[in-house]
PDB file of all heavy atoms in Angstrom:
ATOM      1  N   ASP A   1       0.805  -1.220   0.000  1.00  0.00           N
ATOM      2  CA  ASP A   1       0.000   0.000   0.000  1.00  0.00           C
ATOM      3  C   ASP A   1       0.837   1.268   0.000  1.00  0.00           C
ATOM      4  O   ASP A   1       0.451   2.285  -0.582  1.00  0.00           O
ATOM      5  CB  ASP A   1      -0.927   0.023   1.228  1.00  0.00           C
ATOM      6  CG  ASP A   1      -2.060  -0.989   1.130  1.00  0.00           C
ATOM      7  OD1 ASP A   1      -2.250  -1.564   0.036  1.00  0.00           O
ATOM      8  OD2 ASP A   1      -2.758  -1.189   2.150  1.00  0.00           O
ATOM      9  N   VAL A   2       1.985   1.230   0.669  1.00  0.00           N
ATOM     10  CA  VAL A   2       2.796   2.442   0.847  1.00  0.00           C
ATOM     11  C   VAL A   2       3.718   2.696  -0.352  1.00  0.00           C
ATOM     12  O   VAL A   2       3.764   3.799  -0.892  1.00  0.00           O
ATOM     13  CB  VAL A   2       3.633   2.354   2.139  1.00  0.00           C
ATOM     14  CG1 VAL A   2       4.532   3.578   2.292  1.00  0.00           C
ATOM     15  CG2 VAL A   2       2.719   2.197   3.346  1.00  0.00           C
ATOM     16  N   THR A   3       4.445   1.658  -0.780  1.00  0.00           N
ATOM     17  CA  THR A   3       5.464   1.849  -1.821  1.00  0.00           C
ATOM     18  C   THR A   3       5.029   1.374  -3.199  1.00  0.00           C
ATOM     19  O   THR A   3       5.633   1.774  -4.198  1.00  0.00           O
ATOM     20  CB  THR A   3       6.749   1.087  -1.451  1.00  0.00           C
ATOM     21  OG1 THR A   3       6.465  -0.325  -1.445  1.00  0.00           O
ATOM     22  CG2 THR A   3       7.250   1.512  -0.076  1.00  0.00           C
ATOM     23  N   GLY A   4       4.022   0.520  -3.264  1.00  0.00           N
ATOM     24  CA  GLY A   4       3.622  -0.052  -4.545  1.00  0.00           C
ATOM     25  C   GLY A   4       4.516  -1.191  -5.001  1.00  0.00           C
ATOM     26  O   GLY A   4       4.337  -1.745  -6.089  1.00  0.00           O
ATOM     27  N   GLU A   5       5.478  -1.566  -4.135  1.00  0.00           N
ATOM     28  CA  GLU A   5       6.399  -2.651  -4.485  1.00  0.00           C
ATOM     29  C   GLU A   5       5.710  -4.000  -4.338  1.00  0.00           C
ATOM     30  O   GLU A   5       4.719  -4.125  -3.610  1.00  0.00           O
ATOM     31  CB  GLU A   5       7.645  -2.575  -3.597  1.00  0.00           C
ATOM     32  CG  GLU A   5       8.476  -1.327  -3.836  1.00  0.00           C
ATOM     33  CD  GLU A   5       9.609  -1.158  -2.824  1.00  0.00           C
ATOM     34  OE1 GLU A   5       9.608  -1.894  -1.818  1.00  0.00           O
ATOM     35  OE2 GLU A   5      10.469  -0.280  -3.049  1.00  0.00           O
ATOM     36  N   PRO A   6       6.236  -5.047  -5.000  1.00  0.00           N
ATOM     37  CA  PRO A   6       5.588  -6.359  -4.972  1.00  0.00           C
ATOM     38  C   PRO A   6       5.575  -6.979  -3.573  1.00  0.00           C
ATOM     39  O   PRO A   6       6.518  -6.818  -2.800  1.00  0.00           O
ATOM     40  CB  PRO A   6       6.442  -7.207  -5.926  1.00  0.00           C
ATOM     41  CG  PRO A   6       7.262  -6.252  -6.698  1.00  0.00           C
ATOM     42  CD  PRO A   6       7.418  -5.032  -5.875  1.00  0.00           C
ATOM     43  N   LEU A   7       4.498  -7.702  -3.273  1.00  0.00           N
ATOM     44  CA  LEU A   7       4.406  -8.497  -2.055  1.00  0.00           C
ATOM     45  C   LEU A   7       4.797  -9.936  -2.379  1.00  0.00           C
ATOM     46  O   LEU A   7       4.701 -10.366  -3.532  1.00  0.00           O
ATOM     47  CB  LEU A   7       2.978  -8.462  -1.502  1.00  0.00           C
ATOM     48  CG  LEU A   7       2.423  -7.083  -1.145  1.00  0.00           C
ATOM     49  CD1 LEU A   7       0.965  -7.196  -0.706  1.00  0.00           C
ATOM     50  CD2 LEU A   7       3.252  -6.413  -0.060  1.00  0.00           C
ATOM     51  N   VAL A   8       5.230 -10.661  -1.367  1.00  0.00           N
ATOM     52  CA  VAL A   8       5.632 -12.055  -1.574  1.00  0.00           C
ATOM     53  C   VAL A   8       4.938 -12.942  -0.554  1.00  0.00           C
ATOM     54  O   VAL A   8       4.497 -12.475   0.505  1.00  0.00           O
ATOM     55  CB  VAL A   8       7.163 -12.230  -1.450  1.00  0.00           C
ATOM     56  CG1 VAL A   8       7.890 -11.365  -2.467  1.00  0.00           C
ATOM     57  CG2 VAL A   8       7.641 -11.898  -0.032  1.00  0.00           C
ATOM     58  N   GLN A   9       4.837 -14.225  -0.874  1.00  0.00           N
ATOM     59  CA  GLN A   9       4.381 -15.218   0.082  1.00  0.00           C
ATOM     60  C   GLN A   9       5.575 -16.081   0.458  1.00  0.00           C
ATOM     61  O   GLN A   9       6.251 -16.629  -0.412  1.00  0.00           O
ATOM     62  CB  GLN A   9       3.271 -16.096  -0.498  1.00  0.00           C
ATOM     63  CG  GLN A   9       2.675 -17.039   0.534  1.00  0.00           C
ATOM     64  CD  GLN A   9       1.319 -17.577   0.120  1.00  0.00           C
ATOM     65  OE1 GLN A   9       0.975 -17.571  -1.050  1.00  0.00           O
ATOM     66  NE2 GLN A   9       0.530 -18.031   1.089  1.00  0.00           N
ATOM     67  N   ARG A  10       5.874 -16.153   1.753  1.00  0.00           N
ATOM     68  CA  ARG A  10       7.075 -16.854   2.206  1.00  0.00           C
ATOM     69  C   ARG A  10       6.979 -18.343   1.932  1.00  0.00           C
ATOM     70  O   ARG A  10       5.892 -18.934   1.975  1.00  0.00           O
ATOM     71  CB  ARG A  10       7.284 -16.604   3.695  1.00  0.00           C
ATOM     72  CG  ARG A  10       7.748 -15.199   4.013  1.00  0.00           C
ATOM     73  CD  ARG A  10       7.620 -14.838   5.474  1.00  0.00           C
ATOM     74  NE  ARG A  10       7.861 -15.957   6.383  1.00  0.00           N
ATOM     75  CZ  ARG A  10       7.743 -15.856   7.702  1.00  0.00           C
ATOM     76  NH1 ARG A  10       7.393 -14.719   8.253  1.00  0.00           N
ATOM     77  NH2 ARG A  10       7.991 -16.886   8.475  1.00  0.00           N
ATOM     78  N   SER A  11       8.124 -18.956   1.663  1.00  0.00           N
ATOM     79  CA  SER A  11       8.164 -20.384   1.341  1.00  0.00           C
ATOM     80  C   SER A  11       7.716 -21.257   2.499  1.00  0.00           C
ATOM     81  O   SER A  11       7.252 -22.378   2.308  1.00  0.00           O
ATOM     82  CB  SER A  11       9.583 -20.792   0.905  1.00  0.00           C
ATOM     83  OG  SER A  11      10.515 -20.552   1.951  1.00  0.00           O
ATOM     84  N   ASP A  12       7.843 -20.753   3.738  1.00  0.00           N
ATOM     85  CA  ASP A  12       7.444 -21.556   4.897  1.00  0.00           C
ATOM     86  C   ASP A  12       6.035 -21.220   5.378  1.00  0.00           C
ATOM     87  O   ASP A  12       5.617 -21.666   6.446  1.00  0.00           O
ATOM     88  CB  ASP A  12       8.452 -21.421   6.048  1.00  0.00           C
ATOM     89  CG  ASP A  12       8.661 -19.976   6.482  1.00  0.00           C
ATOM     90  OD1 ASP A  12       8.250 -19.061   5.731  1.00  0.00           O
ATOM     91  OD2 ASP A  12       9.236 -19.757   7.553  1.00  0.00           O
ATOM     92  N   ASP A  13       5.287 -20.420   4.593  1.00  0.00           N
ATOM     93  CA  ASP A  13       3.897 -20.118   4.936  1.00  0.00           C
ATOM     94  C   ASP A  13       2.955 -21.136   4.283  1.00  0.00           C
ATOM     95  O   ASP A  13       2.196 -20.825   3.365  1.00  0.00           O
ATOM     96  CB  ASP A  13       3.527 -18.698   4.497  1.00  0.00           C
ATOM     97  CG  ASP A  13       3.960 -17.643   5.500  1.00  0.00           C
ATOM     98  OD1 ASP A  13       4.435 -18.021   6.581  1.00  0.00           O
ATOM     99  OD2 ASP A  13       3.824 -16.442   5.193  1.00  0.00           O
ATOM    100  N   ASN A  14       3.022 -22.368   4.754  1.00  0.00           N
ATOM    101  CA  ASN A  14       2.105 -23.407   4.310  1.00  0.00           C
ATOM    102  C   ASN A  14       1.718 -24.242   5.522  1.00  0.00           C
ATOM    103  O   ASN A  14       2.377 -24.194   6.571  1.00  0.00           O
ATOM    104  CB  ASN A  14       2.736 -24.275   3.209  1.00  0.00           C
ATOM    105  CG  ASN A  14       3.985 -24.984   3.677  1.00  0.00           C
ATOM    106  OD1 ASN A  14       3.927 -25.952   4.430  1.00  0.00           O
ATOM    107  ND2 ASN A  14       5.151 -24.496   3.243  1.00  0.00           N
ATOM    108  N   ALA A  15       0.613 -25.003   5.386  1.00  0.00           N
ATOM    109  CA  ALA A  15       0.037 -25.685   6.550  1.00  0.00           C
ATOM    110  C   ALA A  15       1.011 -26.660   7.208  1.00  0.00           C
ATOM    111  O   ALA A  15       1.108 -26.714   8.437  1.00  0.00           O
ATOM    112  CB  ALA A  15      -1.244 -26.404   6.128  1.00  0.00           C
ATOM    113  N   ASP A  16       1.730 -27.436   6.409  1.00  0.00           N
ATOM    114  CA  ASP A  16       2.643 -28.437   6.979  1.00  0.00           C
ATOM    115  C   ASP A  16       3.780 -27.781   7.758  1.00  0.00           C
ATOM    116  O   ASP A  16       4.101 -28.179   8.877  1.00  0.00           O
ATOM    117  CB  ASP A  16       3.220 -29.327   5.866  1.00  0.00           C
ATOM    118  CG  ASP A  16       2.162 -30.258   5.284  1.00  0.00           C
ATOM    119  OD1 ASP A  16       1.162 -30.520   5.981  1.00  0.00           O
ATOM    120  OD2 ASP A  16       2.338 -30.706   4.136  1.00  0.00           O
ATOM    121  N   ALA A  17       4.398 -26.764   7.131  1.00  0.00           N
ATOM    122  CA  ALA A  17       5.498 -26.061   7.804  1.00  0.00           C
ATOM    123  C   ALA A  17       4.992 -25.348   9.052  1.00  0.00           C
ATOM    124  O   ALA A  17       5.682 -25.295  10.076  1.00  0.00           O
ATOM    125  CB  ALA A  17       6.156 -25.072   6.855  1.00  0.00           C
ATOM    126  N   LEU A  18       3.754 -24.793   8.984  1.00  0.00           N
ATOM    127  CA  LEU A  18       3.191 -24.078  10.129  1.00  0.00           C
ATOM    128  C   LEU A  18       3.032 -25.001  11.339  1.00  0.00           C
ATOM    129  O   LEU A  18       3.368 -24.626  12.464  1.00  0.00           O
ATOM    130  CB  LEU A  18       1.841 -23.468   9.759  1.00  0.00           C
ATOM    131  CG  LEU A  18       1.055 -22.834  10.922  1.00  0.00           C
ATOM    132  CD1 LEU A  18       1.848 -21.691  11.547  1.00  0.00           C
ATOM    133  CD2 LEU A  18      -0.299 -22.356  10.455  1.00  0.00           C
ATOM    134  N   LYS A  19       2.522 -26.220  11.103  1.00  0.00           N
ATOM    135  CA  LYS A  19       2.325 -27.151  12.213  1.00  0.00           C
ATOM    136  C   LYS A  19       3.654 -27.456  12.910  1.00  0.00           C
ATOM    137  O   LYS A  19       3.719 -27.525  14.138  1.00  0.00           O
ATOM    138  CB  LYS A  19       1.672 -28.429  11.697  1.00  0.00           C
ATOM    139  CG  LYS A  19       0.228 -28.229  11.254  1.00  0.00           C
ATOM    140  CD  LYS A  19      -0.355 -29.486  10.634  1.00  0.00           C
ATOM    141  CE  LYS A  19      -1.776 -29.254  10.136  1.00  0.00           C
ATOM    142  NZ  LYS A  19      -2.357 -30.440   9.466  1.00  0.00           N
ATOM    143  N   LYS A  20       4.712 -27.630  12.124  1.00  0.00           N
ATOM    144  CA  LYS A  20       6.029 -27.876  12.709  1.00  0.00           C
ATOM    145  C   LYS A  20       6.513 -26.655  13.494  1.00  0.00           C
ATOM    146  O   LYS A  20       7.078 -26.783  14.580  1.00  0.00           O
ATOM    147  CB  LYS A  20       7.036 -28.216  11.608  1.00  0.00           C
ATOM    148  CG  LYS A  20       6.781 -29.549  10.907  1.00  0.00           C
ATOM    149  CD  LYS A  20       7.828 -29.789   9.842  1.00  0.00           C
ATOM    150  CE  LYS A  20       7.578 -31.097   9.101  1.00  0.00           C
ATOM    151  NZ  LYS A  20       8.583 -31.323   8.028  1.00  0.00           N
ATOM    152  N   ARG A  21       6.290 -25.477  12.932  1.00  0.00           N
ATOM    153  CA  ARG A  21       6.733 -24.246  13.592  1.00  0.00           C
ATOM    154  C   ARG A  21       5.980 -24.020  14.900  1.00  0.00           C
ATOM    155  O   ARG A  21       6.546 -23.526  15.885  1.00  0.00           O
ATOM    156  CB  ARG A  21       6.549 -23.048  12.650  1.00  0.00           C
ATOM    157  CG  ARG A  21       7.484 -23.075  11.447  1.00  0.00           C
ATOM    158  CD  ARG A  21       7.056 -22.094  10.377  1.00  0.00           C
ATOM    159  NE  ARG A  21       7.235 -20.717  10.792  1.00  0.00           N
ATOM    160  CZ  ARG A  21       6.673 -19.672  10.159  1.00  0.00           C
ATOM    161  NH1 ARG A  21       5.896 -19.874   9.125  1.00  0.00           N
ATOM    162  NH2 ARG A  21       6.911 -18.450  10.578  1.00  0.00           N
ATOM    163  N   LEU A  22       4.683 -24.385  14.917  1.00  0.00           N
ATOM    164  CA  LEU A  22       3.898 -24.210  16.137  1.00  0.00           C
ATOM    165  C   LEU A  22       4.361 -25.162  17.235  1.00  0.00           C
ATOM    166  O   LEU A  22       4.426 -24.776  18.410  1.00  0.00           O
ATOM    167  CB  LEU A  22       2.410 -24.426  15.842  1.00  0.00           C
ATOM    168  CG  LEU A  22       1.714 -23.300  15.067  1.00  0.00           C
ATOM    169  CD1 LEU A  22       0.290 -23.701  14.704  1.00  0.00           C
ATOM    170  CD2 LEU A  22       1.717 -22.005  15.868  1.00  0.00           C
ATOM    171  N   VAL A  23       4.667 -26.386  16.862  1.00  0.00           N
ATOM    172  CA  VAL A  23       5.195 -27.347  17.845  1.00  0.00           C
ATOM    173  C   VAL A  23       6.495 -26.812  18.441  1.00  0.00           C
ATOM    174  O   VAL A  23       6.693 -26.797  19.660  1.00  0.00           O
ATOM    175  CB  VAL A  23       5.425 -28.727  17.199  1.00  0.00           C
ATOM    176  CG1 VAL A  23       6.213 -29.627  18.153  1.00  0.00           C
ATOM    177  CG2 VAL A  23       4.096 -29.377  16.835  1.00  0.00           C
ATOM    178  N   THR A  24       7.375 -26.334  17.551  1.00  0.00           N
ATOM    179  CA  THR A  24       8.655 -25.775  18.003  1.00  0.00           C
ATOM    180  C   THR A  24       8.434 -24.552  18.881  1.00  0.00           C
ATOM    181  O   THR A  24       9.077 -24.386  19.924  1.00  0.00           O
ATOM    182  CB  THR A  24       9.522 -25.389  16.790  1.00  0.00           C
ATOM    183  OG1 THR A  24       9.691 -26.526  15.959  1.00  0.00           O
ATOM    184  CG2 THR A  24      10.889 -24.878  17.228  1.00  0.00           C
ATOM    185  N   TYR A  25       7.499 -23.693  18.479  1.00  0.00           N
ATOM    186  CA  TYR A  25       7.220 -22.472  19.243  1.00  0.00           C
ATOM    187  C   TYR A  25       6.762 -22.803  20.664  1.00  0.00           C
ATOM    188  O   TYR A  25       7.281 -22.258  21.646  1.00  0.00           O
ATOM    189  CB  TYR A  25       6.153 -21.627  18.531  1.00  0.00           C
ATOM    190  CG  TYR A  25       5.686 -20.456  19.353  1.00  0.00           C
ATOM    191  CD1 TYR A  25       6.447 -19.287  19.442  1.00  0.00           C
ATOM    192  CD2 TYR A  25       4.505 -20.521  20.097  1.00  0.00           C
ATOM    193  CE1 TYR A  25       6.035 -18.221  20.219  1.00  0.00           C
ATOM    194  CE2 TYR A  25       4.079 -19.459  20.877  1.00  0.00           C
ATOM    195  CZ  TYR A  25       4.856 -18.313  20.930  1.00  0.00           C
ATOM    196  OH  TYR A  25       4.445 -17.259  21.716  1.00  0.00           O
ATOM    197  N   HIS A  26       5.785 -23.680  20.779  1.00  0.00           N
ATOM    198  CA  HIS A  26       5.236 -23.992  22.096  1.00  0.00           C
ATOM    199  C   HIS A  26       6.257 -24.693  22.995  1.00  0.00           C
ATOM    200  O   HIS A  26       6.313 -24.434  24.194  1.00  0.00           O
ATOM    201  CB  HIS A  26       3.974 -24.842  21.953  1.00  0.00           C
ATOM    202  CG  HIS A  26       2.810 -24.100  21.379  1.00  0.00           C
ATOM    203  ND1 HIS A  26       2.319 -22.937  21.927  1.00  0.00           N
ATOM    204  CD2 HIS A  26       2.046 -24.342  20.280  1.00  0.00           C
ATOM    205  CE1 HIS A  26       1.299 -22.496  21.213  1.00  0.00           C
ATOM    206  NE2 HIS A  26       1.127 -23.333  20.206  1.00  0.00           N
ATOM    207  N   GLU A  27       7.065 -25.549  22.408  1.00  0.00           N
ATOM    208  CA  GLU A  27       8.058 -26.283  23.202  1.00  0.00           C
ATOM    209  C   GLU A  27       9.178 -25.370  23.693  1.00  0.00           C
ATOM    210  O   GLU A  27       9.615 -25.461  24.836  1.00  0.00           O
ATOM    211  CB  GLU A  27       8.640 -27.428  22.377  1.00  0.00           C
ATOM    212  CG  GLU A  27       7.677 -28.594  22.168  1.00  0.00           C
ATOM    213  CD  GLU A  27       8.296 -29.703  21.336  1.00  0.00           C
ATOM    214  OE1 GLU A  27       9.393 -29.481  20.759  1.00  0.00           O
ATOM    215  OE2 GLU A  27       7.684 -30.782  21.246  1.00  0.00           O
ATOM    216  N   GLN A  28       9.671 -24.495  22.810  1.00  0.00           N
ATOM    217  CA  GLN A  28      10.859 -23.703  23.131  1.00  0.00           C
ATOM    218  C   GLN A  28      10.548 -22.295  23.638  1.00  0.00           C
ATOM    219  O   GLN A  28      11.283 -21.755  24.464  1.00  0.00           O
ATOM    220  CB  GLN A  28      11.769 -23.602  21.903  1.00  0.00           C
ATOM    221  CG  GLN A  28      12.343 -24.935  21.461  1.00  0.00           C
ATOM    222  CD  GLN A  28      13.426 -24.770  20.420  1.00  0.00           C
ATOM    223  OE1 GLN A  28      13.815 -23.655  20.071  1.00  0.00           O
ATOM    224  NE2 GLN A  28      13.924 -25.869  19.908  1.00  0.00           N
ATOM    225  N   THR A  29       9.473 -21.691  23.142  1.00  0.00           N
ATOM    226  CA  THR A  29       9.233 -20.279  23.419  1.00  0.00           C
ATOM    227  C   THR A  29       8.274 -20.045  24.575  1.00  0.00           C
ATOM    228  O   THR A  29       8.413 -19.066  25.310  1.00  0.00           O
ATOM    229  CB  THR A  29       8.705 -19.562  22.161  1.00  0.00           C
ATOM    230  OG1 THR A  29       9.531 -19.896  21.046  1.00  0.00           O
ATOM    231  CG2 THR A  29       8.724 -18.047  22.349  1.00  0.00           C
ATOM    232  N   SER A  30       7.293 -20.903  24.762  1.00  0.00           N
ATOM    233  CA  SER A  30       6.323 -20.696  25.841  1.00  0.00           C
ATOM    234  C   SER A  30       6.971 -20.508  27.213  1.00  0.00           C
ATOM    235  O   SER A  30       6.489 -19.691  28.008  1.00  0.00           O
ATOM    236  CB  SER A  30       5.307 -21.842  25.879  1.00  0.00           C
ATOM    237  OG  SER A  30       4.494 -21.818  24.731  1.00  0.00           O
ATOM    238  N   PRO A  31       8.061 -21.234  27.546  1.00  0.00           N
ATOM    239  CA  PRO A  31       8.705 -20.993  28.844  1.00  0.00           C
ATOM    240  C   PRO A  31       9.198 -19.552  29.021  1.00  0.00           C
ATOM    241  O   PRO A  31       9.348 -19.090  30.159  1.00  0.00           O
ATOM    242  CB  PRO A  31       9.885 -21.972  28.827  1.00  0.00           C
ATOM    243  CG  PRO A  31       9.437 -23.085  27.940  1.00  0.00           C
ATOM    244  CD  PRO A  31       8.647 -22.405  26.859  1.00  0.00           C
ATOM    245  N   VAL A  32       9.443 -18.855  27.916  1.00  0.00           N
ATOM    246  CA  VAL A  32       9.880 -17.464  28.011  1.00  0.00           C
ATOM    247  C   VAL A  32       8.780 -16.615  28.656  1.00  0.00           C
ATOM    248  O   VAL A  32       9.058 -15.662  29.393  1.00  0.00           O
ATOM    249  CB  VAL A  32      10.250 -16.908  26.616  1.00  0.00           C
ATOM    250  CG1 VAL A  32      10.634 -15.430  26.697  1.00  0.00           C
ATOM    251  CG2 VAL A  32      11.398 -17.715  26.024  1.00  0.00           C
ATOM    252  N   VAL A  33       7.524 -16.957  28.363  1.00  0.00           N
ATOM    253  CA  VAL A  33       6.403 -16.246  28.979  1.00  0.00           C
ATOM    254  C   VAL A  33       6.487 -16.360  30.496  1.00  0.00           C
ATOM    255  O   VAL A  33       6.337 -15.373  31.224  1.00  0.00           O
ATOM    256  CB  VAL A  33       5.056 -16.807  28.475  1.00  0.00           C
ATOM    257  CG1 VAL A  33       3.896 -16.209  29.276  1.00  0.00           C
ATOM    258  CG2 VAL A  33       4.879 -16.513  26.989  1.00  0.00           C
ATOM    259  N   GLY A  34       6.747 -17.571  30.980  1.00  0.00           N
ATOM    260  CA  GLY A  34       6.890 -17.769  32.419  1.00  0.00           C
ATOM    261  C   GLY A  34       8.009 -16.936  33.008  1.00  0.00           C
ATOM    262  O   GLY A  34       7.885 -16.403  34.118  1.00  0.00           O
TER     263      GLY A  34
END
């Protein structure tokens, strides 16, 4: 919207990769909240 430059869709923005990333996120990152 601001520059008019092309947008992209990341290679890891798909359902299979997302499920793996969520597992990794909850296992490794959630303790940071604590």
